[in-house]
Full PDB file with SEQRES, HELIX, SHEET, SSBOND, CRYST1, ORIGX, SCALE, CONECT and MASTER records, all heavy atoms in Angstrom:
SEQRES   1 A   35  ASN GLN ARG ASN ASN TYR SER TYR GLY TYR ASP PRO GLN          
SEQRES   2 A   35  ASP GLN LEU ARG TYR PHE GLN THR PRO SER PRO GLY THR          
SEQRES   3 A   35  ALA ASN GLY ALA SER THR ILE THR GLY                          
SHEET    1 AA1 2 SER A   7  TYR A  10  0                                        
SHEET    2 AA1 2 LEU A  16  PHE A  19 -1                                        
CRYST1    1.000    1.000    1.000  90.00  90.00  90.00 P 1           1          
ORIGX1      1.000000  0.000000  0.000000        0.00000                         
ORIGX2      0.000000  1.000000  0.000000        0.00000                         
ORIGX3      0.000000  0.000000  1.000000        0.00000                         
SCALE1      1.000000  0.000000  0.000000        0.00000                         
SCALE2      0.000000  1.000000  0.000000        0.00000                         
SCALE3      0.000000  0.000000  1.000000        0.00000                         
ATOM      1  N   ASN A   1       0.837  -1.209   0.000  1.00  0.00           N  
ATOM      2  CA  ASN A   1       0.002  -0.001  -0.002  1.00  0.00           C  
ATOM      3  C   ASN A   1       0.864   1.248   0.007  1.00  0.00           C  
ATOM      4  O   ASN A   1       1.897   1.286   0.665  1.00  0.00           O  
ATOM      5  CB  ASN A   1      -0.897   0.045   1.237  1.00  0.00           C  
ATOM      6  CG  ASN A   1      -2.049  -0.917   1.145  1.00  0.00           C  
ATOM      7  OD1 ASN A   1      -2.439  -1.332   0.070  1.00  0.00           O  
ATOM      8  ND2 ASN A   1      -2.608  -1.268   2.294  1.00  0.00           N  
ATOM      9  N   GLN A   2       0.418   2.245  -0.734  1.00  0.00           N  
ATOM     10  CA  GLN A   2       1.171   3.497  -0.845  1.00  0.00           C  
ATOM     11  C   GLN A   2       0.412   4.634  -0.169  1.00  0.00           C  
ATOM     12  O   GLN A   2      -0.794   4.558   0.015  1.00  0.00           O  
ATOM     13  CB  GLN A   2       1.413   3.820  -2.321  1.00  0.00           C  
ATOM     14  CG  GLN A   2       2.160   2.731  -3.054  1.00  0.00           C  
ATOM     15  CD  GLN A   2       3.549   2.502  -2.516  1.00  0.00           C  
ATOM     16  OE1 GLN A   2       4.382   3.386  -2.557  1.00  0.00           O  
ATOM     17  NE2 GLN A   2       3.807   1.311  -1.998  1.00  0.00           N  
ATOM     18  N   ARG A   3       1.136   5.680   0.168  1.00  0.00           N  
ATOM     19  CA  ARG A   3       0.557   6.850   0.824  1.00  0.00           C  
ATOM     20  C   ARG A   3       0.728   8.072  -0.066  1.00  0.00           C  
ATOM     21  O   ARG A   3       1.689   8.161  -0.838  1.00  0.00           O  
ATOM     22  CB  ARG A   3       1.232   7.103   2.178  1.00  0.00           C  
ATOM     23  CG  ARG A   3       1.019   5.964   3.182  1.00  0.00           C  
ATOM     24  CD  ARG A   3      -0.461   5.811   3.512  1.00  0.00           C  
ATOM     25  NE  ARG A   3      -0.711   4.845   4.543  1.00  0.00           N  
ATOM     26  CZ  ARG A   3      -1.224   3.641   4.351  1.00  0.00           C  
ATOM     27  NH1 ARG A   3      -1.525   3.239   3.134  1.00  0.00           N  
ATOM     28  NH2 ARG A   3      -1.458   2.834   5.344  1.00  0.00           N  
ATOM     29  N   ASN A   4      -0.159   9.039   0.082  1.00  0.00           N  
ATOM     30  CA  ASN A   4      -0.119  10.270  -0.717  1.00  0.00           C  
ATOM     31  C   ASN A   4       1.237  10.954  -0.613  1.00  0.00           C  
ATOM     32  O   ASN A   4       1.737  11.196   0.503  1.00  0.00           O  
ATOM     33  CB  ASN A   4      -1.208  11.240  -0.289  1.00  0.00           C  
ATOM     34  CG  ASN A   4      -2.583  10.748  -0.646  1.00  0.00           C  
ATOM     35  OD1 ASN A   4      -2.757   9.818  -1.425  1.00  0.00           O  
ATOM     36  ND2 ASN A   4      -3.594  11.389  -0.067  1.00  0.00           N  
ATOM     37  N   ASN A   5       1.806  11.246  -1.775  1.00  0.00           N  
ATOM     38  CA  ASN A   5       3.044  12.027  -1.915  1.00  0.00           C  
ATOM     39  C   ASN A   5       4.295  11.367  -1.342  1.00  0.00           C  
ATOM     40  O   ASN A   5       5.301  12.033  -1.164  1.00  0.00           O  
ATOM     41  CB  ASN A   5       2.865  13.432  -1.339  1.00  0.00           C  
ATOM     42  CG  ASN A   5       1.783  14.175  -2.087  1.00  0.00           C  
ATOM     43  OD1 ASN A   5       1.749  14.171  -3.313  1.00  0.00           O  
ATOM     44  ND2 ASN A   5       0.868  14.783  -1.352  1.00  0.00           N  
ATOM     45  N   TYR A   6       4.239  10.087  -1.049  1.00  0.00           N  
ATOM     46  CA  TYR A   6       5.420   9.311  -0.690  1.00  0.00           C  
ATOM     47  C   TYR A   6       5.766   8.439  -1.896  1.00  0.00           C  
ATOM     48  O   TYR A   6       4.904   8.116  -2.717  1.00  0.00           O  
ATOM     49  CB  TYR A   6       5.135   8.392   0.502  1.00  0.00           C  
ATOM     50  CG  TYR A   6       5.188   9.074   1.848  1.00  0.00           C  
ATOM     51  CD1 TYR A   6       4.239  10.017   2.208  1.00  0.00           C  
ATOM     52  CD2 TYR A   6       6.200   8.766   2.749  1.00  0.00           C  
ATOM     53  CE1 TYR A   6       4.287  10.656   3.435  1.00  0.00           C  
ATOM     54  CE2 TYR A   6       6.240   9.390   3.994  1.00  0.00           C  
ATOM     55  CZ  TYR A   6       5.279  10.336   4.328  1.00  0.00           C  
ATOM     56  OH  TYR A   6       5.338  10.955   5.543  1.00  0.00           O  
ATOM     57  N   SER A   7       7.020   8.061  -2.004  1.00  0.00           N  
ATOM     58  CA  SER A   7       7.402   7.105  -3.029  1.00  0.00           C  
ATOM     59  C   SER A   7       7.900   5.837  -2.351  1.00  0.00           C  
ATOM     60  O   SER A   7       8.061   5.796  -1.120  1.00  0.00           O  
ATOM     61  CB  SER A   7       8.460   7.685  -3.965  1.00  0.00           C  
ATOM     62  OG  SER A   7       9.675   7.896  -3.280  1.00  0.00           O  
ATOM     63  N   TYR A   8       8.166   4.816  -3.147  1.00  0.00           N  
ATOM     64  CA  TYR A   8       8.603   3.521  -2.647  1.00  0.00           C  
ATOM     65  C   TYR A   8       9.685   3.019  -3.586  1.00  0.00           C  
ATOM     66  O   TYR A   8       9.536   3.089  -4.810  1.00  0.00           O  
ATOM     67  CB  TYR A   8       7.420   2.556  -2.621  1.00  0.00           C  
ATOM     68  CG  TYR A   8       7.720   1.187  -2.070  1.00  0.00           C  
ATOM     69  CD1 TYR A   8       7.885   0.989  -0.709  1.00  0.00           C  
ATOM     70  CD2 TYR A   8       7.854   0.090  -2.924  1.00  0.00           C  
ATOM     71  CE1 TYR A   8       8.158  -0.278  -0.194  1.00  0.00           C  
ATOM     72  CE2 TYR A   8       8.115  -1.174  -2.409  1.00  0.00           C  
ATOM     73  CZ  TYR A   8       8.267  -1.354  -1.051  1.00  0.00           C  
ATOM     74  OH  TYR A   8       8.534  -2.604  -0.557  1.00  0.00           O  
ATOM     75  N   GLY A   9      10.773   2.549  -3.034  1.00  0.00           N  
ATOM     76  CA  GLY A   9      11.846   2.047  -3.886  1.00  0.00           C  
ATOM     77  C   GLY A   9      13.058   1.615  -3.093  1.00  0.00           C  
ATOM     78  O   GLY A   9      12.969   1.372  -1.891  1.00  0.00           O  
ATOM     79  N   TYR A  10      14.187   1.547  -3.792  1.00  0.00           N  
ATOM     80  CA  TYR A  10      15.437   1.066  -3.197  1.00  0.00           C  
ATOM     81  C   TYR A  10      16.244   2.217  -2.600  1.00  0.00           C  
ATOM     82  O   TYR A  10      16.460   3.227  -3.269  1.00  0.00           O  
ATOM     83  CB  TYR A  10      16.277   0.347  -4.239  1.00  0.00           C  
ATOM     84  CG  TYR A  10      15.714  -0.992  -4.624  1.00  0.00           C  
ATOM     85  CD1 TYR A  10      14.942  -1.126  -5.771  1.00  0.00           C  
ATOM     86  CD2 TYR A  10      15.925  -2.109  -3.836  1.00  0.00           C  
ATOM     87  CE1 TYR A  10      14.405  -2.356  -6.128  1.00  0.00           C  
ATOM     88  CE2 TYR A  10      15.379  -3.343  -4.176  1.00  0.00           C  
ATOM     89  CZ  TYR A  10      14.632  -3.460  -5.318  1.00  0.00           C  
ATOM     90  OH  TYR A  10      14.093  -4.668  -5.661  1.00  0.00           O  
ATOM     91  N   ASP A  11      16.693   2.028  -1.363  1.00  0.00           N  
ATOM     92  CA  ASP A  11      17.572   3.015  -0.739  1.00  0.00           C  
ATOM     93  C   ASP A  11      19.026   2.722  -1.157  1.00  0.00           C  
ATOM     94  O   ASP A  11      19.263   1.762  -1.909  1.00  0.00           O  
ATOM     95  CB  ASP A  11      17.380   3.021   0.781  1.00  0.00           C  
ATOM     96  CG  ASP A  11      17.908   1.796   1.502  1.00  0.00           C  
ATOM     97  OD1 ASP A  11      18.549   0.919   0.867  1.00  0.00           O  
ATOM     98  OD2 ASP A  11      17.704   1.696   2.724  1.00  0.00           O  
ATOM     99  N   PRO A  12      20.004   3.508  -0.708  1.00  0.00           N  
ATOM    100  CA  PRO A  12      21.393   3.282  -1.105  1.00  0.00           C  
ATOM    101  C   PRO A  12      21.961   1.909  -0.689  1.00  0.00           C  
ATOM    102  O   PRO A  12      22.954   1.451  -1.262  1.00  0.00           O  
ATOM    103  CB  PRO A  12      22.162   4.408  -0.410  1.00  0.00           C  
ATOM    104  CG  PRO A  12      21.149   5.506  -0.295  1.00  0.00           C  
ATOM    105  CD  PRO A  12      19.841   4.789  -0.017  1.00  0.00           C  
ATOM    106  N   GLN A  13      21.325   1.235   0.254  1.00  0.00           N  
ATOM    107  CA  GLN A  13      21.767  -0.114   0.659  1.00  0.00           C  
ATOM    108  C   GLN A  13      20.948  -1.206  -0.030  1.00  0.00           C  
ATOM    109  O   GLN A  13      20.967  -2.365   0.396  1.00  0.00           O  
ATOM    110  CB  GLN A  13      21.669  -0.281   2.182  1.00  0.00           C  
ATOM    111  CG  GLN A  13      22.718   0.488   2.960  1.00  0.00           C  
ATOM    112  CD  GLN A  13      22.442   1.978   2.996  1.00  0.00           C  
ATOM    113  OE1 GLN A  13      21.311   2.422   3.178  1.00  0.00           O  
ATOM    114  NE2 GLN A  13      23.491   2.765   2.806  1.00  0.00           N  
ATOM    115  N   ASP A  14      20.215  -0.854  -1.076  1.00  0.00           N  
ATOM    116  CA  ASP A  14      19.368  -1.786  -1.845  1.00  0.00           C  
ATOM    117  C   ASP A  14      18.268  -2.435  -1.019  1.00  0.00           C  
ATOM    118  O   ASP A  14      17.868  -3.567  -1.272  1.00  0.00           O  
ATOM    119  CB  ASP A  14      20.214  -2.858  -2.539  1.00  0.00           C  
ATOM    120  CG  ASP A  14      20.942  -2.315  -3.746  1.00  0.00           C  
ATOM    121  OD1 ASP A  14      20.477  -1.313  -4.324  1.00  0.00           O  
ATOM    122  OD2 ASP A  14      21.978  -2.897  -4.122  1.00  0.00           O  
ATOM    123  N   GLN A  15      17.775  -1.710  -0.029  1.00  0.00           N  
ATOM    124  CA  GLN A  15      16.627  -2.149   0.773  1.00  0.00           C  
ATOM    125  C   GLN A  15      15.400  -1.379   0.305  1.00  0.00           C  
ATOM    126  O   GLN A  15      15.477  -0.174   0.042  1.00  0.00           O  
ATOM    127  CB  GLN A  15      16.868  -1.876   2.261  1.00  0.00           C  
ATOM    128  CG  GLN A  15      18.075  -2.581   2.833  1.00  0.00           C  
ATOM    129  CD  GLN A  15      17.928  -4.082   2.794  1.00  0.00           C  
ATOM    130  OE1 GLN A  15      16.889  -4.630   3.167  1.00  0.00           O  
ATOM    131  NE2 GLN A  15      18.976  -4.771   2.349  1.00  0.00           N  
ATOM    132  N   LEU A  16      14.268  -2.065   0.191  1.00  0.00           N  
ATOM    133  CA  LEU A  16      13.031  -1.397  -0.206  1.00  0.00           C  
ATOM    134  C   LEU A  16      12.505  -0.561   0.960  1.00  0.00           C  
ATOM    135  O   LEU A  16      12.376  -1.055   2.081  1.00  0.00           O  
ATOM    136  CB  LEU A  16      11.987  -2.405  -0.662  1.00  0.00           C  
ATOM    137  CG  LEU A  16      12.251  -3.013  -2.034  1.00  0.00           C  
ATOM    138  CD1 LEU A  16      11.336  -4.192  -2.310  1.00  0.00           C  
ATOM    139  CD2 LEU A  16      12.094  -1.953  -3.125  1.00  0.00           C  
ATOM    140  N   ARG A  17      12.212   0.698   0.671  1.00  0.00           N  
ATOM    141  CA  ARG A  17      11.771   1.650   1.680  1.00  0.00           C  
ATOM    142  C   ARG A  17      10.732   2.596   1.105  1.00  0.00           C  
ATOM    143  O   ARG A  17      10.629   2.780  -0.106  1.00  0.00           O  
ATOM    144  CB  ARG A  17      12.940   2.518   2.157  1.00  0.00           C  
ATOM    145  CG  ARG A  17      14.108   1.779   2.727  1.00  0.00           C  
ATOM    146  CD  ARG A  17      13.874   1.491   4.177  1.00  0.00           C  
ATOM    147  NE  ARG A  17      15.099   1.031   4.799  1.00  0.00           N  
ATOM    148  CZ  ARG A  17      15.178  -0.058   5.511  1.00  0.00           C  
ATOM    149  NH1 ARG A  17      14.131  -0.795   5.700  1.00  0.00           N  
ATOM    150  NH2 ARG A  17      16.305  -0.425   6.055  1.00  0.00           N  
ATOM    151  N   TYR A  18      10.001   3.269   1.978  1.00  0.00           N  
ATOM    152  CA  TYR A  18       9.168   4.412   1.612  1.00  0.00           C  
ATOM    153  C   TYR A  18      10.040   5.651   1.726  1.00  0.00           C  
ATOM    154  O   TYR A  18      10.909   5.740   2.598  1.00  0.00           O  
ATOM    155  CB  TYR A  18       7.981   4.545   2.563  1.00  0.00           C  
ATOM    156  CG  TYR A  18       6.931   3.483   2.399  1.00  0.00           C  
ATOM    157  CD1 TYR A  18       6.968   2.308   3.136  1.00  0.00           C  
ATOM    158  CD2 TYR A  18       5.888   3.647   1.494  1.00  0.00           C  
ATOM    159  CE1 TYR A  18       5.999   1.332   2.983  1.00  0.00           C  
ATOM    160  CE2 TYR A  18       4.920   2.674   1.337  1.00  0.00           C  
ATOM    161  CZ  TYR A  18       4.993   1.519   2.078  1.00  0.00           C  
ATOM    162  OH  TYR A  18       4.027   0.552   1.931  1.00  0.00           O  
ATOM    163  N   PHE A  19       9.768   6.640   0.862  1.00  0.00           N  
ATOM    164  CA  PHE A  19      10.519   7.891   0.889  1.00  0.00           C  
ATOM    165  C   PHE A  19       9.554   9.050   1.065  1.00  0.00           C  
ATOM    166  O   PHE A  19       8.646   9.241   0.258  1.00  0.00           O  
ATOM    167  CB  PHE A  19      11.333   8.072  -0.395  1.00  0.00           C  
ATOM    168  CG  PHE A  19      12.374   7.024  -0.589  1.00  0.00           C  
ATOM    169  CD1 PHE A  19      12.120   5.941  -1.407  1.00  0.00           C  
ATOM    170  CD2 PHE A  19      13.595   7.099   0.071  1.00  0.00           C  
ATOM    171  CE1 PHE A  19      13.062   4.945  -1.587  1.00  0.00           C  
ATOM    172  CE2 PHE A  19      14.544   6.115  -0.105  1.00  0.00           C  
ATOM    173  CZ  PHE A  19      14.283   5.024  -0.936  1.00  0.00           C  
ATOM    174  N   GLN A  20       9.782   9.827   2.119  1.00  0.00           N  
ATOM    175  CA  GLN A  20       8.953  11.003   2.369  1.00  0.00           C  
ATOM    176  C   GLN A  20       9.204  12.059   1.294  1.00  0.00           C  
ATOM    177  O   GLN A  20       8.310  12.815   0.931  1.00  0.00           O  
ATOM    178  CB  GLN A  20       9.234  11.581   3.756  1.00  0.00           C  
ATOM    179  CG  GLN A  20       8.311  12.716   4.126  1.00  0.00           C  
ATOM    180  CD  GLN A  20       8.510  13.145   5.566  1.00  0.00           C  
ATOM    181  OE1 GLN A  20       9.389  12.666   6.273  1.00  0.00           O  
ATOM    182  NE2 GLN A  20       7.676  14.062   6.019  1.00  0.00           N  
ATOM    183  N   THR A  21      10.423  12.086   0.775  1.00  0.00           N  
ATOM    184  CA  THR A  21      10.778  13.000  -0.310  1.00  0.00           C  
ATOM    185  C   THR A  21      11.112  12.176  -1.538  1.00  0.00           C  
ATOM    186  O   THR A  21      12.208  11.632  -1.655  1.00  0.00           O  
ATOM    187  CB  THR A  21      11.981  13.883   0.086  1.00  0.00           C  
ATOM    188  OG1 THR A  21      11.669  14.564   1.295  1.00  0.00           O  
ATOM    189  CG2 THR A  21      12.300  14.879  -1.005  1.00  0.00           C  
ATOM    190  N   PRO A  22      10.174  12.016  -2.469  1.00  0.00           N  
ATOM    191  CA  PRO A  22      10.446  11.258  -3.698  1.00  0.00           C  
ATOM    192  C   PRO A  22      11.587  11.901  -4.491  1.00  0.00           C  
ATOM    193  O   PRO A  22      11.805  13.119  -4.396  1.00  0.00           O  
ATOM    194  CB  PRO A  22       9.131  11.342  -4.475  1.00  0.00           C  
ATOM    195  CG  PRO A  22       8.087  11.566  -3.420  1.00  0.00           C  
ATOM    196  CD  PRO A  22       8.771  12.444  -2.413  1.00  0.00           C  
ATOM    197  N   SER A  23      12.294  11.085  -5.273  1.00  0.00           N  
ATOM    198  CA  SER A  23      13.432  11.602  -6.027  1.00  0.00           C  
ATOM    199  C   SER A  23      13.419  11.083  -7.466  1.00  0.00           C  
ATOM    200  O   SER A  23      14.349  10.416  -7.891  1.00  0.00           O  
ATOM    201  CB  SER A  23      14.733  11.213  -5.333  1.00  0.00           C  
ATOM    202  OG  SER A  23      14.800   9.792  -5.201  1.00  0.00           O  
ATOM    203  N   PRO A  24      12.366  11.391  -8.238  1.00  0.00           N  
ATOM    204  CA  PRO A  24      12.301  10.880  -9.612  1.00  0.00           C  
ATOM    205  C   PRO A  24      13.458  11.415 -10.464  1.00  0.00           C  
ATOM    206  O   PRO A  24      13.714  12.609 -10.508  1.00  0.00           O  
ATOM    207  CB  PRO A  24      10.953  11.398 -10.116  1.00  0.00           C  
ATOM    208  CG  PRO A  24      10.654  12.594  -9.269  1.00  0.00           C  
ATOM    209  CD  PRO A  24      11.251  12.294  -7.932  1.00  0.00           C  
ATOM    210  N   GLY A  25      14.179  10.495 -11.102  1.00  0.00           N  
ATOM    211  CA  GLY A  25      15.267  10.871 -11.994  1.00  0.00           C  
ATOM    212  C   GLY A  25      16.604  11.052 -11.329  1.00  0.00           C  
ATOM    213  O   GLY A  25      17.585  11.374 -11.988  1.00  0.00           O  
ATOM    214  N   THR A  26      16.676  10.847 -10.019  1.00  0.00           N  
ATOM    215  CA  THR A  26      17.932  10.962  -9.287  1.00  0.00           C  
ATOM    216  C   THR A  26      18.027   9.841  -8.254  1.00  0.00           C  
ATOM    217  O   THR A  26      17.051   9.137  -7.992  1.00  0.00           O  
ATOM    218  CB  THR A  26      18.057  12.319  -8.563  1.00  0.00           C  
ATOM    219  OG1 THR A  26      16.989  12.418  -7.600  1.00  0.00           O  
ATOM    220  CG2 THR A  26      17.991  13.492  -9.513  1.00  0.00           C  
ATOM    221  N   ALA A  27      19.208   9.703  -7.659  1.00  0.00           N  
ATOM    222  CA  ALA A  27      19.436   8.657  -6.657  1.00  0.00           C  
ATOM    223  C   ALA A  27      18.523   8.851  -5.453  1.00  0.00           C  
ATOM    224  O   ALA A  27      18.261   9.984  -5.043  1.00  0.00           O  
ATOM    225  CB  ALA A  27      20.885   8.660  -6.214  1.00  0.00           C  
ATOM    226  N   ASN A  28      18.045   7.760  -4.896  1.00  0.00           N  
ATOM    227  CA  ASN A  28      17.219   7.815  -3.699  1.00  0.00           C  
ATOM    228  C   ASN A  28      18.108   8.030  -2.495  1.00  0.00           C  
ATOM    229  O   ASN A  28      19.193   7.472  -2.401  1.00  0.00           O  
ATOM    230  CB  ASN A  28      16.431   6.509  -3.530  1.00  0.00           C  
ATOM    231  CG  ASN A  28      15.472   6.279  -4.661  1.00  0.00           C  
ATOM    232  OD1 ASN A  28      15.067   7.212  -5.340  1.00  0.00           O  
ATOM    233  ND2 ASN A  28      15.105   5.031  -4.882  1.00  0.00           N  
ATOM    234  N   GLY A  29      17.610   8.807  -1.558  1.00  0.00           N  
ATOM    235  CA  GLY A  29      18.348   9.050  -0.331  1.00  0.00           C  
ATOM    236  C   GLY A  29      18.080   7.956   0.688  1.00  0.00           C  
ATOM    237  O   GLY A  29      17.427   6.949   0.408  1.00  0.00           O  
ATOM    238  N   ALA A  30      18.583   8.158   1.872  1.00  0.00           N  
ATOM    239  CA  ALA A  30      18.368   7.213   2.963  1.00  0.00           C  
ATOM    240  C   ALA A  30      16.952   7.395   3.514  1.00  0.00           C  
ATOM    241  O   ALA A  30      16.384   8.480   3.439  1.00  0.00           O  
ATOM    242  CB  ALA A  30      19.391   7.439   4.063  1.00  0.00           C  
ATOM    243  N   SER A  31      16.393   6.319   4.049  1.00  0.00           N  
ATOM    244  CA  SER A  31      15.080   6.378   4.663  1.00  0.00           C  
ATOM    245  C   SER A  31      14.991   5.312   5.733  1.00  0.00           C  
ATOM    246  O   SER A  31      15.511   4.213   5.566  1.00  0.00           O  
ATOM    247  CB  SER A  31      13.983   6.139   3.626  1.00  0.00           C  
ATOM    248  OG  SER A  31      12.718   6.090   4.245  1.00  0.00           O  
ATOM    249  N   THR A  32      14.338   5.635   6.815  1.00  0.00           N  
ATOM    250  CA  THR A  32      14.124   4.651   7.877  1.00  0.00           C  
ATOM    251  C   THR A  32      12.703   4.135   7.870  1.00  0.00           C  
ATOM    252  O   THR A  32      12.344   3.320   8.712  1.00  0.00           O  
ATOM    253  CB  THR A  32      14.426   5.285   9.257  1.00  0.00           C  
ATOM    254  OG1 THR A  32      13.586   6.416   9.428  1.00  0.00           O  
ATOM    255  CG2 THR A  32      15.891   5.700   9.355  1.00  0.00           C  
ATOM    256  N   ILE A  33      11.880   4.589   6.917  1.00  0.00           N  
ATOM    257  CA  ILE A  33      10.477   4.165   6.858  1.00  0.00           C  
ATOM    258  C   ILE A  33      10.406   2.824   6.142  1.00  0.00           C  
ATOM    259  O   ILE A  33      10.637   2.743   4.935  1.00  0.00           O  
ATOM    260  CB  ILE A  33       9.601   5.205   6.119  1.00  0.00           C  
ATOM    261  CG1 ILE A  33       9.799   6.592   6.702  1.00  0.00           C  
ATOM    262  CG2 ILE A  33       8.131   4.784   6.185  1.00  0.00           C  
ATOM    263  CD1 ILE A  33       9.173   7.693   5.869  1.00  0.00           C  
ATOM    264  N   THR A  34      10.097   1.758   6.874  1.00  0.00           N  
ATOM    265  CA  THR A  34      10.065   0.425   6.276  1.00  0.00           C  
ATOM    266  C   THR A  34       8.654  -0.058   5.997  1.00  0.00           C  
ATOM    267  O   THR A  34       8.464  -1.017   5.264  1.00  0.00           O  
ATOM    268  CB  THR A  34      10.756  -0.605   7.187  1.00  0.00           C  
ATOM    269  OG1 THR A  34      10.107  -0.599   8.462  1.00  0.00           O  
ATOM    270  CG2 THR A  34      12.227  -0.283   7.344  1.00  0.00           C  
ATOM    271  N   GLY A  35       7.678   0.567   6.593  1.00  0.00           N  
ATOM    272  CA  GLY A  35       6.292   0.132   6.398  1.00  0.00           C  
ATOM    273  C   GLY A  35       5.345   1.220   6.839  1.00  0.00           C  
ATOM    274  O   GLY A  35       5.759   2.304   7.243  1.00  0.00           O  
TER     275      GLY A  35                                                      
MASTER        0    0    0    0    2    0    0    6  274    1    0    3          
END                                                                             
């Protein structure tokens, strides 16, 4: 399930995470949101 204005993808350690600040077209930052 996704939330409004969050993205979901791979963090720099190749772990799937939610991102409070989406980064389309650039590298994803770190995130501690796992679910």
